C-alpha cells in the first residue's frame, strides 16, 4: 500500500496510509498523543524507577524515543521491548522530525540507532535504557508476567479489528506483571469489553487532543 509522510497539527510528522485513511499517530498531534497516552498515563503511572515496557506497534519509534527522553530526565531505568511485524523504511525515517520537534538534537544519533540496530537482539543504548525490537506478529506474543507497562499502539479496530480481540488482550494480560498497566489511545466500547472479559480493570480517561477518551487497563 502507498504510504506518505504528513505533518500533524502540533507540527510533528507521521506516516499516512491513504488506502485505509489511517495514520501511525493522531493527525491532531503525533507528539501530543504519544505524551498524553503513553508517557503521562502509562509510564508515569508507575512509581518505581525501574520499568519494563512492551510496545505493541514499534512503528516510527516515537513512543520509544519519548520514553528514552523521560528516562534521561527522571533518572529511570527502562528495559524496552518493541514488537513490529512491518518495520518502516529508511527513507521514511529520514523524513520524520521528532528529534527537532522534541528539542532533542543531542540525541539524534540515538534515535537513528533505534531503527538501525539489529532486530531480535537486546541493545544497551545507554546505562539507563535498553532496547529489544522483536519482529513478530502480535498473536505470536507469549510472554508471561514480564512487563510493568504495555503501550498498545496498534492500527485502529476500524482497519485491523483482529488486533483488538479477547485473544490478543488475554496475551497482554498474561504478559503483564501483577499491578501492571496497559494504555491505548482507543476508547471503543468493544475494546473496553474485550479487555474486561480477560480480567482487566478498565478506566476511561480524557483523551489526547482531538479525542474525547482513551483507555487504561490494570491487572489487579
N, C-alpha and C. Protein backbone atom coordinates (compact mmCIF):
# COMPACT_ATOMS: atom_id res chain seq x y z
N UNK A 1 0.83 -1.20 0.00
CA UNK A 1 0.00 0.00 0.00
C UNK A 1 0.87 1.26 0.00
N UNK A 2 0.33 2.30 -0.62
CA UNK A 2 1.02 3.58 -0.64
C UNK A 2 1.09 4.16 0.76
N UNK A 3 2.22 4.79 1.08
CA UNK A 3 2.43 5.42 2.38
C UNK A 3 3.04 6.79 2.13
N UNK A 4 2.66 7.78 2.91
CA UNK A 4 3.20 9.11 2.74
C UNK A 4 3.41 9.78 4.09
N UNK A 5 4.36 10.69 4.14
CA UNK A 5 4.64 11.44 5.37
C UNK A 5 3.76 12.68 5.39
N UNK A 6 3.06 12.88 6.50
CA UNK A 6 2.24 14.08 6.65
C UNK A 6 2.61 14.79 7.95
N UNK A 7 2.27 16.07 8.03
CA UNK A 7 2.52 16.84 9.25
C UNK A 7 1.22 16.96 10.03
N UNK A 8 1.27 16.62 11.32
CA UNK A 8 0.09 16.67 12.17
C UNK A 8 -0.06 18.07 12.79
N UNK A 9 -1.13 18.27 13.53
CA UNK A 9 -1.49 19.61 13.99
C UNK A 9 -0.49 20.23 14.96
N UNK A 10 0.31 19.42 15.64
CA UNK A 10 1.30 20.01 16.55
C UNK A 10 2.66 20.22 15.89
N UNK A 11 2.72 19.99 14.57
CA UNK A 11 3.96 20.20 13.82
C UNK A 11 4.80 18.97 13.65
N UNK A 12 4.49 17.90 14.37
CA UNK A 12 5.25 16.65 14.24
C UNK A 12 4.68 15.81 13.11
N UNK A 13 5.52 14.99 12.52
CA UNK A 13 5.13 14.20 11.36
C UNK A 13 4.61 12.81 11.74
N UNK A 14 3.97 12.16 10.80
CA UNK A 14 3.59 10.77 10.95
C UNK A 14 3.47 10.15 9.57
N UNK A 15 3.23 8.86 9.53
CA UNK A 15 3.05 8.14 8.26
C UNK A 15 1.56 7.91 8.03
N UNK A 16 1.10 8.28 6.85
CA UNK A 16 -0.31 8.16 6.47
C UNK A 16 -0.46 7.07 5.41
N UNK A 17 -1.50 6.24 5.55
CA UNK A 17 -1.81 5.19 4.58
C UNK A 17 -3.14 5.56 3.92
N UNK A 18 -3.09 6.16 2.73
CA UNK A 18 -4.32 6.65 2.10
C UNK A 18 -5.40 5.59 1.90
N UNK A 19 -5.01 4.38 1.54
CA UNK A 19 -5.98 3.33 1.26
C UNK A 19 -6.85 3.03 2.48
N UNK A 20 -6.26 3.15 3.65
CA UNK A 20 -7.00 2.91 4.89
C UNK A 20 -7.53 4.20 5.51
N UNK A 21 -7.03 5.34 5.03
CA UNK A 21 -7.27 6.62 5.72
C UNK A 21 -6.88 6.49 7.19
N UNK A 22 -5.70 5.96 7.40
CA UNK A 22 -5.19 5.66 8.74
C UNK A 22 -3.77 6.18 8.88
N UNK A 23 -3.41 6.61 10.09
CA UNK A 23 -2.07 7.13 10.36
C UNK A 23 -1.43 6.33 11.48
N UNK A 24 -0.10 6.42 11.55
CA UNK A 24 0.63 5.81 12.66
C UNK A 24 0.36 6.55 13.96
N UNK A 25 0.10 7.84 13.87
CA UNK A 25 -0.18 8.67 15.05
C UNK A 25 -1.34 9.60 14.72
N UNK A 26 -1.86 10.25 15.75
CA UNK A 26 -3.01 11.13 15.57
C UNK A 26 -2.69 12.32 14.66
N UNK A 27 -3.61 12.64 13.77
CA UNK A 27 -3.44 13.82 12.92
C UNK A 27 -3.56 15.10 13.74
N UNK A 28 -4.09 14.98 14.95
CA UNK A 28 -4.23 16.15 15.83
C UNK A 28 -2.95 16.45 16.60
N UNK A 29 -1.92 15.62 16.39
CA UNK A 29 -0.64 15.86 17.04
C UNK A 29 0.02 14.56 17.44
N UNK A 30 1.02 14.12 16.68
CA UNK A 30 1.69 12.85 16.97
C UNK A 30 2.39 12.89 18.33
N UNK A 31 3.18 13.92 18.56
CA UNK A 31 3.91 14.03 19.83
C UNK A 31 2.94 14.24 20.99
N UNK A 32 1.94 15.08 20.79
CA UNK A 32 0.96 15.32 21.86
C UNK A 32 0.26 14.03 22.26
N UNK A 33 -0.11 13.22 21.28
CA UNK A 33 -0.79 11.95 21.57
C UNK A 33 0.13 11.01 22.32
N UNK A 34 1.36 10.86 21.84
CA UNK A 34 2.31 9.95 22.49
C UNK A 34 2.57 10.35 23.93
N UNK A 35 2.73 11.64 24.15
CA UNK A 35 2.99 12.13 25.50
C UNK A 35 1.79 11.89 26.42
N UNK A 36 0.62 12.22 25.94
CA UNK A 36 -0.60 12.12 26.75
C UNK A 36 -0.93 10.67 27.08
N UNK A 37 -0.98 9.82 26.07
CA UNK A 37 -1.45 8.44 26.25
C UNK A 37 -0.38 7.57 26.91
N UNK A 38 0.81 7.55 26.32
CA UNK A 38 1.79 6.55 26.71
C UNK A 38 2.73 7.02 27.83
N UNK A 39 3.16 8.27 27.79
CA UNK A 39 4.06 8.76 28.84
C UNK A 39 3.28 9.14 30.09
N UNK A 40 2.35 10.08 29.96
CA UNK A 40 1.67 10.60 31.15
C UNK A 40 0.77 9.56 31.82
N UNK A 41 0.00 8.80 31.02
CA UNK A 41 -0.96 7.87 31.61
C UNK A 41 -0.48 6.42 31.65
N UNK A 42 0.70 6.16 31.10
CA UNK A 42 1.26 4.81 31.14
C UNK A 42 2.54 4.75 31.94
N UNK A 43 3.61 5.27 31.36
CA UNK A 43 4.92 5.23 32.02
C UNK A 43 4.89 5.93 33.38
N UNK A 44 4.34 7.13 33.43
CA UNK A 44 4.34 7.91 34.66
C UNK A 44 3.32 7.43 35.69
N UNK A 45 2.47 6.49 35.29
CA UNK A 45 1.53 5.89 36.24
C UNK A 45 2.28 5.02 37.24
N UNK A 46 3.38 4.43 36.80
CA UNK A 46 4.20 3.60 37.68
C UNK A 46 5.11 4.49 38.51
N UNK A 47 5.29 4.13 39.76
CA UNK A 47 6.07 4.97 40.68
C UNK A 47 7.49 4.47 40.90
N UNK A 48 7.82 3.31 40.38
CA UNK A 48 9.18 2.79 40.52
C UNK A 48 10.08 3.40 39.46
N UNK A 49 11.39 3.35 39.66
CA UNK A 49 12.31 3.92 38.68
C UNK A 49 12.95 2.85 37.81
N UNK A 50 12.51 1.60 37.95
CA UNK A 50 12.95 0.52 37.06
C UNK A 50 11.70 -0.09 36.44
N UNK A 51 11.56 0.09 35.13
CA UNK A 51 10.31 -0.29 34.46
C UNK A 51 10.61 -1.05 33.17
N UNK A 52 9.86 -2.12 32.96
CA UNK A 52 9.95 -2.87 31.71
C UNK A 52 8.72 -2.57 30.86
N UNK A 53 8.95 -2.09 29.64
CA UNK A 53 7.87 -1.64 28.76
C UNK A 53 7.77 -2.55 27.54
N UNK A 54 6.55 -2.91 27.18
CA UNK A 54 6.28 -3.60 25.92
C UNK A 54 5.46 -2.66 25.05
N UNK A 55 5.95 -2.40 23.84
CA UNK A 55 5.17 -1.59 22.90
C UNK A 55 4.61 -2.47 21.80
N UNK A 56 3.30 -2.41 21.64
CA UNK A 56 2.61 -3.15 20.58
C UNK A 56 2.48 -2.21 19.39
N UNK A 57 3.41 -2.35 18.45
CA UNK A 57 3.47 -1.48 17.28
C UNK A 57 4.62 -0.49 17.40
N UNK A 58 5.85 -0.97 17.22
CA UNK A 58 7.04 -0.10 17.37
C UNK A 58 7.02 1.05 16.37
N UNK A 59 6.60 0.76 15.14
CA UNK A 59 6.34 1.80 14.14
C UNK A 59 7.45 2.79 13.91
N UNK A 60 7.15 4.06 14.13
CA UNK A 60 8.10 5.14 13.84
C UNK A 60 9.17 5.30 14.91
N UNK A 61 8.99 4.64 16.05
CA UNK A 61 9.95 4.80 17.14
C UNK A 61 9.68 6.00 18.03
N UNK A 62 8.57 6.72 17.77
CA UNK A 62 8.29 7.91 18.56
C UNK A 62 8.06 7.58 20.03
N UNK A 63 7.23 6.57 20.31
CA UNK A 63 6.94 6.24 21.70
C UNK A 63 8.20 5.79 22.45
N UNK A 64 9.01 5.01 21.79
CA UNK A 64 10.24 4.53 22.44
C UNK A 64 11.21 5.68 22.68
N UNK A 65 11.33 6.60 21.73
CA UNK A 65 12.25 7.72 21.89
C UNK A 65 11.78 8.65 23.00
N UNK A 66 10.49 8.90 23.09
CA UNK A 66 9.99 9.75 24.15
C UNK A 66 10.15 9.08 25.51
N UNK A 67 10.05 7.76 25.54
CA UNK A 67 10.30 7.02 26.79
C UNK A 67 11.77 7.14 27.17
N UNK A 68 12.65 7.04 26.19
CA UNK A 68 14.08 7.23 26.44
C UNK A 68 14.35 8.62 27.02
N UNK A 69 13.75 9.65 26.44
CA UNK A 69 13.96 11.01 26.93
C UNK A 69 13.45 11.16 28.37
N UNK A 70 12.34 10.50 28.67
CA UNK A 70 11.81 10.53 30.03
C UNK A 70 12.77 9.85 31.00
N UNK A 71 13.37 8.75 30.56
CA UNK A 71 14.34 8.05 31.40
C UNK A 71 15.54 8.93 31.69
N UNK A 72 15.98 9.67 30.68
CA UNK A 72 17.11 10.59 30.87
C UNK A 72 16.76 11.68 31.89
N UNK A 73 15.56 12.22 31.76
CA UNK A 73 15.16 13.35 32.60
C UNK A 73 14.93 12.93 34.05
N UNK A 74 14.34 11.74 34.25
CA UNK A 74 13.91 11.34 35.59
C UNK A 74 14.80 10.27 36.22
N UNK A 75 15.94 9.99 35.61
CA UNK A 75 16.86 9.00 36.17
C UNK A 75 16.17 7.64 36.35
N UNK A 76 15.46 7.23 35.31
CA UNK A 76 14.77 5.95 35.32
C UNK A 76 15.57 4.92 34.56
N UNK A 77 15.39 3.65 34.93
CA UNK A 77 16.00 2.54 34.20
C UNK A 77 14.90 1.83 33.43
N UNK A 78 15.01 1.85 32.11
CA UNK A 78 13.96 1.31 31.25
C UNK A 78 14.49 0.14 30.42
N UNK A 79 13.77 -0.96 30.50
CA UNK A 79 14.01 -2.11 29.63
C UNK A 79 12.85 -2.12 28.63
N UNK A 80 13.13 -1.79 27.37
CA UNK A 80 12.08 -1.52 26.39
C UNK A 80 12.06 -2.60 25.31
N UNK A 81 10.87 -3.17 25.09
CA UNK A 81 10.70 -4.19 24.05
C UNK A 81 9.63 -3.68 23.09
N UNK A 82 9.98 -3.57 21.83
CA UNK A 82 9.04 -3.12 20.82
C UNK A 82 8.74 -4.22 19.82
N UNK A 83 7.46 -4.50 19.59
CA UNK A 83 7.05 -5.55 18.66
C UNK A 83 6.52 -4.92 17.39
N UNK A 84 7.01 -5.38 16.26
CA UNK A 84 6.61 -4.82 14.96
C UNK A 84 6.80 -5.88 13.88
N UNK A 85 5.76 -6.12 13.10
CA UNK A 85 5.86 -7.09 12.01
C UNK A 85 6.35 -6.46 10.71
N UNK A 86 6.10 -5.14 10.55
CA UNK A 86 6.45 -4.47 9.30
C UNK A 86 7.21 -3.17 9.59
N UNK A 87 8.53 -3.25 9.77
CA UNK A 87 9.32 -2.05 10.09
C UNK A 87 9.21 -0.98 9.02
N UNK A 88 9.32 0.28 9.44
CA UNK A 88 9.27 1.38 8.48
C UNK A 88 10.54 1.39 7.64
N UNK A 89 10.50 2.09 6.52
CA UNK A 89 11.63 2.15 5.61
C UNK A 89 12.60 3.26 6.01
N UNK A 90 13.85 3.13 5.61
CA UNK A 90 14.85 4.14 5.95
C UNK A 90 14.48 5.50 5.38
N UNK A 91 13.95 5.52 4.15
CA UNK A 91 13.59 6.80 3.55
C UNK A 91 12.43 7.48 4.30
N UNK A 92 11.58 6.68 4.94
CA UNK A 92 10.52 7.24 5.77
C UNK A 92 11.11 7.81 7.06
N UNK A 93 12.03 7.09 7.65
CA UNK A 93 12.68 7.54 8.88
C UNK A 93 13.33 8.91 8.69
N UNK A 94 13.98 9.10 7.57
CA UNK A 94 14.70 10.34 7.33
C UNK A 94 13.77 11.55 7.22
N UNK A 95 12.48 11.31 6.99
CA UNK A 95 11.53 12.41 6.85
C UNK A 95 10.77 12.71 8.15
N UNK A 96 11.04 11.94 9.20
CA UNK A 96 10.37 12.17 10.48
C UNK A 96 11.12 13.23 11.26
N UNK A 97 10.40 14.14 11.89
CA UNK A 97 11.04 15.30 12.53
C UNK A 97 10.98 15.28 14.06
N UNK A 98 10.88 14.09 14.64
CA UNK A 98 10.68 14.01 16.08
C UNK A 98 11.85 14.58 16.88
N UNK A 99 13.06 14.35 16.44
CA UNK A 99 14.22 14.83 17.19
C UNK A 99 14.18 16.35 17.31
N UNK A 100 13.94 17.04 16.21
CA UNK A 100 13.92 18.51 16.26
C UNK A 100 12.69 19.02 17.00
N UNK A 101 11.53 18.42 16.77
CA UNK A 101 10.31 18.88 17.43
C UNK A 101 10.34 18.67 18.94
N UNK A 102 11.09 17.67 19.38
CA UNK A 102 11.21 17.41 20.81
C UNK A 102 12.38 18.18 21.44
N UNK A 103 13.10 18.95 20.62
CA UNK A 103 14.25 19.68 21.13
C UNK A 103 15.33 18.76 21.65
N UNK A 104 15.55 17.66 20.94
CA UNK A 104 16.46 16.62 21.43
C UNK A 104 17.56 16.32 20.41
N UNK A 105 18.09 17.37 19.77
CA UNK A 105 19.08 17.15 18.72
C UNK A 105 20.35 16.48 19.24
N UNK A 106 20.62 16.62 20.54
CA UNK A 106 21.81 15.96 21.11
C UNK A 106 21.66 14.44 21.13
N UNK A 107 20.41 13.97 20.95
CA UNK A 107 20.16 12.53 20.94
C UNK A 107 19.77 12.03 19.55
N UNK A 108 20.11 12.79 18.51
CA UNK A 108 19.72 12.41 17.14
C UNK A 108 20.30 11.05 16.76
N UNK A 109 21.55 10.80 17.11
CA UNK A 109 22.17 9.52 16.76
C UNK A 109 21.50 8.36 17.50
N UNK A 110 21.06 8.63 18.71
CA UNK A 110 20.37 7.58 19.47
C UNK A 110 19.05 7.24 18.82
N UNK A 111 18.29 8.25 18.39
CA UNK A 111 17.03 7.98 17.70
C UNK A 111 17.28 7.16 16.43
N UNK A 112 18.29 7.52 15.68
CA UNK A 112 18.61 6.77 14.48
C UNK A 112 19.00 5.33 14.82
N UNK A 113 19.71 5.16 15.94
CA UNK A 113 20.14 3.81 16.34
C UNK A 113 18.95 2.93 16.70
N UNK A 114 17.86 3.53 17.15
CA UNK A 114 16.67 2.74 17.46
C UNK A 114 16.20 1.98 16.22
N UNK A 115 16.39 2.59 15.06
CA UNK A 115 15.95 1.96 13.81
C UNK A 115 17.05 1.13 13.15
N UNK A 116 18.30 1.55 13.31
CA UNK A 116 19.39 0.85 12.63
C UNK A 116 19.88 -0.38 13.39
N UNK A 117 19.63 -0.44 14.69
CA UNK A 117 20.12 -1.59 15.46
C UNK A 117 19.38 -2.86 15.03
N UNK A 118 20.03 -3.98 15.19
CA UNK A 118 19.50 -5.25 14.70
C UNK A 118 18.26 -5.69 15.48
N UNK A 119 17.43 -6.45 14.78
CA UNK A 119 16.22 -6.98 15.37
C UNK A 119 16.51 -8.24 16.17
N UNK A 120 15.63 -8.51 17.13
CA UNK A 120 15.67 -9.74 17.93
C UNK A 120 16.96 -9.89 18.72
N UNK A 121 17.53 -8.76 19.12
CA UNK A 121 18.71 -8.75 19.96
C UNK A 121 18.64 -7.54 20.89
N UNK A 122 18.95 -7.77 22.16
CA UNK A 122 18.89 -6.67 23.13
C UNK A 122 20.10 -5.76 22.98
N UNK A 123 19.83 -4.44 22.91
CA UNK A 123 20.89 -3.45 22.77
C UNK A 123 20.86 -2.51 23.99
N UNK A 124 22.01 -2.32 24.61
CA UNK A 124 22.11 -1.39 25.74
C UNK A 124 22.42 -0.01 25.15
N UNK A 125 21.39 0.78 24.96
CA UNK A 125 21.54 2.08 24.30
C UNK A 125 22.33 3.05 25.17
N UNK A 126 21.98 3.12 26.45
CA UNK A 126 22.73 3.87 27.46
C UNK A 126 22.73 3.02 28.73
N UNK A 127 23.35 3.51 29.77
CA UNK A 127 23.36 2.75 31.03
C UNK A 127 21.97 2.62 31.63
N UNK A 128 21.05 3.50 31.20
CA UNK A 128 19.70 3.51 31.77
C UNK A 128 18.62 2.99 30.82
N UNK A 129 18.98 2.69 29.58
CA UNK A 129 17.94 2.34 28.61
C UNK A 129 18.42 1.22 27.69
N UNK A 130 17.69 0.12 27.69
CA UNK A 130 17.97 -0.98 26.75
C UNK A 130 16.79 -1.14 25.80
N UNK A 131 17.07 -1.61 24.60
CA UNK A 131 16.05 -1.77 23.56
C UNK A 131 16.18 -3.14 22.91
N UNK A 132 15.06 -3.83 22.85
CA UNK A 132 14.94 -5.07 22.10
C UNK A 132 13.77 -4.93 21.15
N UNK A 133 14.05 -4.98 19.85
CA UNK A 133 12.99 -4.94 18.84
C UNK A 133 12.71 -6.37 18.39
N UNK A 134 11.46 -6.78 18.51
CA UNK A 134 11.08 -8.13 18.09
C UNK A 134 10.23 -8.04 16.83
N UNK A 135 10.71 -8.67 15.78
CA UNK A 135 9.97 -8.68 14.51
C UNK A 135 9.02 -9.88 14.54
N UNK A 136 7.79 -9.63 14.94
CA UNK A 136 6.81 -10.70 15.07
C UNK A 136 5.40 -10.13 15.00
N UNK A 137 4.46 -11.02 14.75
CA UNK A 137 3.05 -10.64 14.76
C UNK A 137 2.56 -10.64 16.20
N UNK A 138 1.55 -9.83 16.46
CA UNK A 138 1.09 -9.68 17.84
C UNK A 138 0.53 -10.99 18.40
N UNK A 139 -0.09 -11.80 17.55
CA UNK A 139 -0.67 -13.05 18.05
C UNK A 139 0.40 -14.07 18.41
N UNK A 140 1.66 -13.78 18.08
CA UNK A 140 2.76 -14.68 18.41
C UNK A 140 3.37 -14.38 19.78
N UNK A 141 2.95 -13.32 20.42
CA UNK A 141 3.49 -12.94 21.73
C UNK A 141 3.09 -13.97 22.77
N UNK A 142 4.08 -14.46 23.53
CA UNK A 142 3.78 -15.47 24.55
C UNK A 142 4.51 -15.21 25.87
N UNK A 143 4.83 -13.93 26.14
CA UNK A 143 5.49 -13.58 27.40
C UNK A 143 4.53 -13.79 28.58
N UNK A 144 5.11 -14.07 29.74
CA UNK A 144 4.31 -14.26 30.94
C UNK A 144 4.90 -13.46 32.09
N UNK A 145 4.07 -12.65 32.72
CA UNK A 145 4.44 -11.93 33.95
C UNK A 145 5.77 -11.19 33.80
N UNK A 146 5.90 -10.43 32.72
CA UNK A 146 7.20 -9.84 32.38
C UNK A 146 7.21 -8.32 32.37
N UNK A 147 6.09 -7.67 32.06
CA UNK A 147 6.10 -6.23 31.80
C UNK A 147 5.34 -5.44 32.86
N UNK A 148 5.86 -4.23 33.14
CA UNK A 148 5.17 -3.31 34.03
C UNK A 148 4.16 -2.45 33.29
N UNK A 149 4.48 -2.12 32.04
CA UNK A 149 3.65 -1.23 31.23
C UNK A 149 3.57 -1.76 29.80
N UNK A 150 2.38 -1.73 29.23
CA UNK A 150 2.21 -2.04 27.81
C UNK A 150 1.64 -0.82 27.11
N UNK A 151 2.34 -0.38 26.05
CA UNK A 151 1.80 0.65 25.16
C UNK A 151 1.09 -0.09 24.02
N UNK A 152 -0.22 -0.04 23.99
CA UNK A 152 -0.95 -0.74 22.93
C UNK A 152 -1.26 0.26 21.83
N UNK A 153 -0.41 0.28 20.80
CA UNK A 153 -0.48 1.31 19.76
C UNK A 153 -0.62 0.68 18.38
N UNK A 154 -1.48 -0.33 18.29
CA UNK A 154 -1.76 -0.97 17.00
C UNK A 154 -2.63 -0.06 16.14
N UNK A 155 -2.68 -0.34 14.83
CA UNK A 155 -3.63 0.37 13.98
C UNK A 155 -5.04 0.14 14.51
N UNK A 156 -5.92 1.08 14.23
CA UNK A 156 -7.25 1.07 14.82
C UNK A 156 -8.11 -0.12 14.44
N UNK A 157 -9.10 -0.38 15.30
CA UNK A 157 -10.00 -1.51 15.10
C UNK A 157 -10.81 -1.39 13.81
N UNK A 158 -10.97 -0.17 13.31
CA UNK A 158 -11.71 0.03 12.05
C UNK A 158 -11.02 -0.66 10.90
N UNK A 159 -9.68 -0.66 10.89
CA UNK A 159 -8.95 -1.24 9.76
C UNK A 159 -8.32 -2.59 10.10
N UNK A 160 -8.03 -2.84 11.39
CA UNK A 160 -7.46 -4.13 11.79
C UNK A 160 -8.15 -4.65 13.05
N UNK A 161 -9.42 -5.03 12.93
CA UNK A 161 -10.17 -5.48 14.11
C UNK A 161 -9.57 -6.70 14.78
N UNK A 162 -8.82 -7.51 14.04
CA UNK A 162 -8.24 -8.72 14.60
C UNK A 162 -7.19 -8.44 15.67
N UNK A 163 -6.72 -7.19 15.75
CA UNK A 163 -5.72 -6.83 16.75
C UNK A 163 -6.34 -6.35 18.06
N UNK A 164 -7.67 -6.30 18.11
CA UNK A 164 -8.36 -5.73 19.27
C UNK A 164 -9.35 -6.74 19.85
N UNK A 165 -8.98 -7.99 19.87
CA UNK A 165 -9.87 -9.08 20.29
C UNK A 165 -9.53 -9.57 21.70
N UNK A 166 -10.44 -10.38 22.24
CA UNK A 166 -10.18 -11.01 23.54
C UNK A 166 -8.89 -11.84 23.48
N UNK A 167 -8.67 -12.52 22.36
CA UNK A 167 -7.47 -13.35 22.21
C UNK A 167 -6.21 -12.53 22.40
N UNK A 168 -6.14 -11.36 21.77
CA UNK A 168 -4.96 -10.51 21.89
C UNK A 168 -4.84 -9.92 23.29
N UNK A 169 -5.95 -9.47 23.85
CA UNK A 169 -5.87 -8.85 25.18
C UNK A 169 -5.59 -9.88 26.28
N UNK A 170 -5.96 -11.12 26.06
CA UNK A 170 -5.56 -12.17 27.02
C UNK A 170 -4.04 -12.33 27.02
N UNK A 171 -3.44 -12.27 25.83
CA UNK A 171 -1.98 -12.32 25.75
C UNK A 171 -1.34 -11.14 26.49
N UNK A 172 -1.96 -9.97 26.38
CA UNK A 172 -1.46 -8.79 27.08
C UNK A 172 -1.59 -8.97 28.60
N UNK A 173 -2.72 -9.49 29.03
CA UNK A 173 -2.96 -9.71 30.46
C UNK A 173 -1.93 -10.67 31.04
N UNK A 174 -1.67 -11.74 30.33
CA UNK A 174 -0.69 -12.73 30.78
C UNK A 174 0.72 -12.14 30.78
N UNK A 175 1.02 -11.29 29.81
CA UNK A 175 2.36 -10.72 29.68
C UNK A 175 2.68 -9.72 30.78
N UNK A 176 1.65 -9.07 31.33
CA UNK A 176 1.87 -8.07 32.37
C UNK A 176 2.16 -8.71 33.72
N UNK A 177 2.97 -8.02 34.51
CA UNK A 177 3.14 -8.38 35.91
C UNK A 177 1.88 -7.98 36.68
N UNK A 178 1.72 -8.50 37.89
CA UNK A 178 0.64 -8.07 38.76
C UNK A 178 0.78 -6.57 39.00
N UNK A 179 -0.34 -5.86 38.95
CA UNK A 179 -0.41 -4.40 39.08
C UNK A 179 0.19 -3.68 37.87
N UNK A 180 0.38 -4.42 36.78
CA UNK A 180 0.84 -3.81 35.54
C UNK A 180 -0.29 -3.03 34.88
N UNK A 181 0.09 -2.19 33.92
CA UNK A 181 -0.88 -1.30 33.29
C UNK A 181 -0.73 -1.33 31.78
N UNK A 182 -1.85 -1.31 31.07
CA UNK A 182 -1.87 -1.20 29.61
C UNK A 182 -2.60 0.09 29.26
N UNK A 183 -2.01 0.88 28.38
CA UNK A 183 -2.66 2.11 27.92
C UNK A 183 -2.78 2.10 26.41
N UNK A 184 -3.86 2.71 25.93
CA UNK A 184 -4.09 2.80 24.50
C UNK A 184 -4.91 4.04 24.19
N UNK A 185 -4.73 4.55 22.97
CA UNK A 185 -5.50 5.71 22.51
C UNK A 185 -6.95 5.34 22.26
N UNK A 186 -7.24 4.05 22.11
CA UNK A 186 -8.59 3.60 21.74
C UNK A 186 -9.57 3.79 22.89
N UNK A 187 -10.85 3.93 22.55
CA UNK A 187 -11.88 4.09 23.58
C UNK A 187 -13.18 3.39 23.21
N UNK A 188 -13.19 2.58 22.14
CA UNK A 188 -14.41 1.91 21.71
C UNK A 188 -14.95 0.99 22.80
N UNK A 189 -16.26 0.92 22.88
CA UNK A 189 -16.88 0.03 23.85
C UNK A 189 -16.49 -1.42 23.65
N UNK A 190 -16.36 -1.85 22.39
CA UNK A 190 -16.00 -3.25 22.12
C UNK A 190 -14.59 -3.57 22.61
N UNK A 191 -13.70 -2.58 22.53
CA UNK A 191 -12.33 -2.76 23.03
C UNK A 191 -12.34 -2.85 24.55
N UNK A 192 -13.07 -1.96 25.18
CA UNK A 192 -13.16 -1.98 26.65
C UNK A 192 -13.73 -3.31 27.14
N UNK A 193 -14.77 -3.79 26.48
CA UNK A 193 -15.39 -5.05 26.90
C UNK A 193 -14.45 -6.23 26.69
N UNK A 194 -13.68 -6.22 25.60
CA UNK A 194 -12.72 -7.29 25.35
C UNK A 194 -11.66 -7.32 26.45
N UNK A 195 -11.20 -6.14 26.87
CA UNK A 195 -10.23 -6.06 27.97
C UNK A 195 -10.82 -6.60 29.27
N UNK A 196 -12.03 -6.17 29.57
CA UNK A 196 -12.66 -6.60 30.82
C UNK A 196 -12.92 -8.10 30.85
N UNK A 197 -13.24 -8.67 29.70
CA UNK A 197 -13.59 -10.09 29.64
C UNK A 197 -12.41 -11.00 29.97
N UNK A 198 -11.18 -10.49 29.80
CA UNK A 198 -10.00 -11.32 30.10
C UNK A 198 -9.42 -11.02 31.48
N UNK A 199 -10.05 -10.10 32.22
CA UNK A 199 -9.62 -9.87 33.59
C UNK A 199 -9.14 -8.48 33.93
N UNK A 200 -9.03 -7.60 32.95
CA UNK A 200 -8.55 -6.24 33.22
C UNK A 200 -9.62 -5.42 33.96
N UNK A 201 -9.15 -4.53 34.82
CA UNK A 201 -9.98 -3.46 35.36
C UNK A 201 -9.72 -2.24 34.48
N UNK A 202 -10.75 -1.74 33.83
CA UNK A 202 -10.56 -0.73 32.78
C UNK A 202 -11.17 0.60 33.20
N UNK A 203 -10.43 1.68 32.97
CA UNK A 203 -10.96 3.01 33.24
C UNK A 203 -10.85 3.88 32.00
N UNK A 204 -11.87 4.71 31.83
CA UNK A 204 -11.84 5.71 30.77
C UNK A 204 -11.15 6.95 31.31
N UNK A 205 -10.28 7.53 30.49
CA UNK A 205 -9.58 8.76 30.85
C UNK A 205 -9.78 9.79 29.75
N UNK A 206 -9.61 11.07 30.04
CA UNK A 206 -9.67 12.07 28.97
C UNK A 206 -8.63 11.77 27.90
N UNK A 207 -9.03 11.89 26.65
CA UNK A 207 -8.13 11.56 25.55
C UNK A 207 -7.19 12.69 25.21
N UNK A 208 -6.26 12.44 24.29
CA UNK A 208 -5.36 13.48 23.80
C UNK A 208 -6.12 14.46 22.92
N UNK A 209 -5.50 15.55 22.48
CA UNK A 209 -6.18 16.50 21.60
C UNK A 209 -6.86 15.80 20.42
N UNK A 210 -8.13 16.16 20.18
CA UNK A 210 -8.87 15.58 19.08
C UNK A 210 -9.61 14.30 19.41
N UNK A 211 -9.45 13.81 20.65
CA UNK A 211 -10.10 12.55 21.03
C UNK A 211 -10.68 12.70 22.43
N UNK A 212 -11.94 12.34 22.58
CA UNK A 212 -12.63 12.59 23.86
C UNK A 212 -12.10 11.70 24.98
N UNK A 213 -11.86 10.42 24.67
CA UNK A 213 -11.45 9.48 25.72
C UNK A 213 -10.34 8.55 25.24
N UNK A 214 -9.68 7.92 26.19
CA UNK A 214 -8.72 6.83 25.97
C UNK A 214 -8.97 5.80 27.07
N UNK A 215 -8.29 4.67 26.97
CA UNK A 215 -8.47 3.60 27.96
C UNK A 215 -7.16 3.27 28.66
N UNK A 216 -7.29 2.99 29.97
CA UNK A 216 -6.18 2.43 30.73
C UNK A 216 -6.69 1.18 31.45
N UNK A 217 -5.99 0.07 31.26
CA UNK A 217 -6.39 -1.21 31.82
C UNK A 217 -5.37 -1.67 32.83
N UNK A 218 -5.86 -2.10 33.98
CA UNK A 218 -4.99 -2.53 35.08
C UNK A 218 -5.13 -4.02 35.34
N UNK A 219 -4.00 -4.66 35.60
CA UNK A 219 -4.00 -6.06 36.03
C UNK A 219 -3.93 -6.07 37.55
N UNK A 220 -5.07 -6.24 38.18
CA UNK A 220 -5.15 -6.15 39.65
C UNK A 220 -4.63 -7.44 40.29
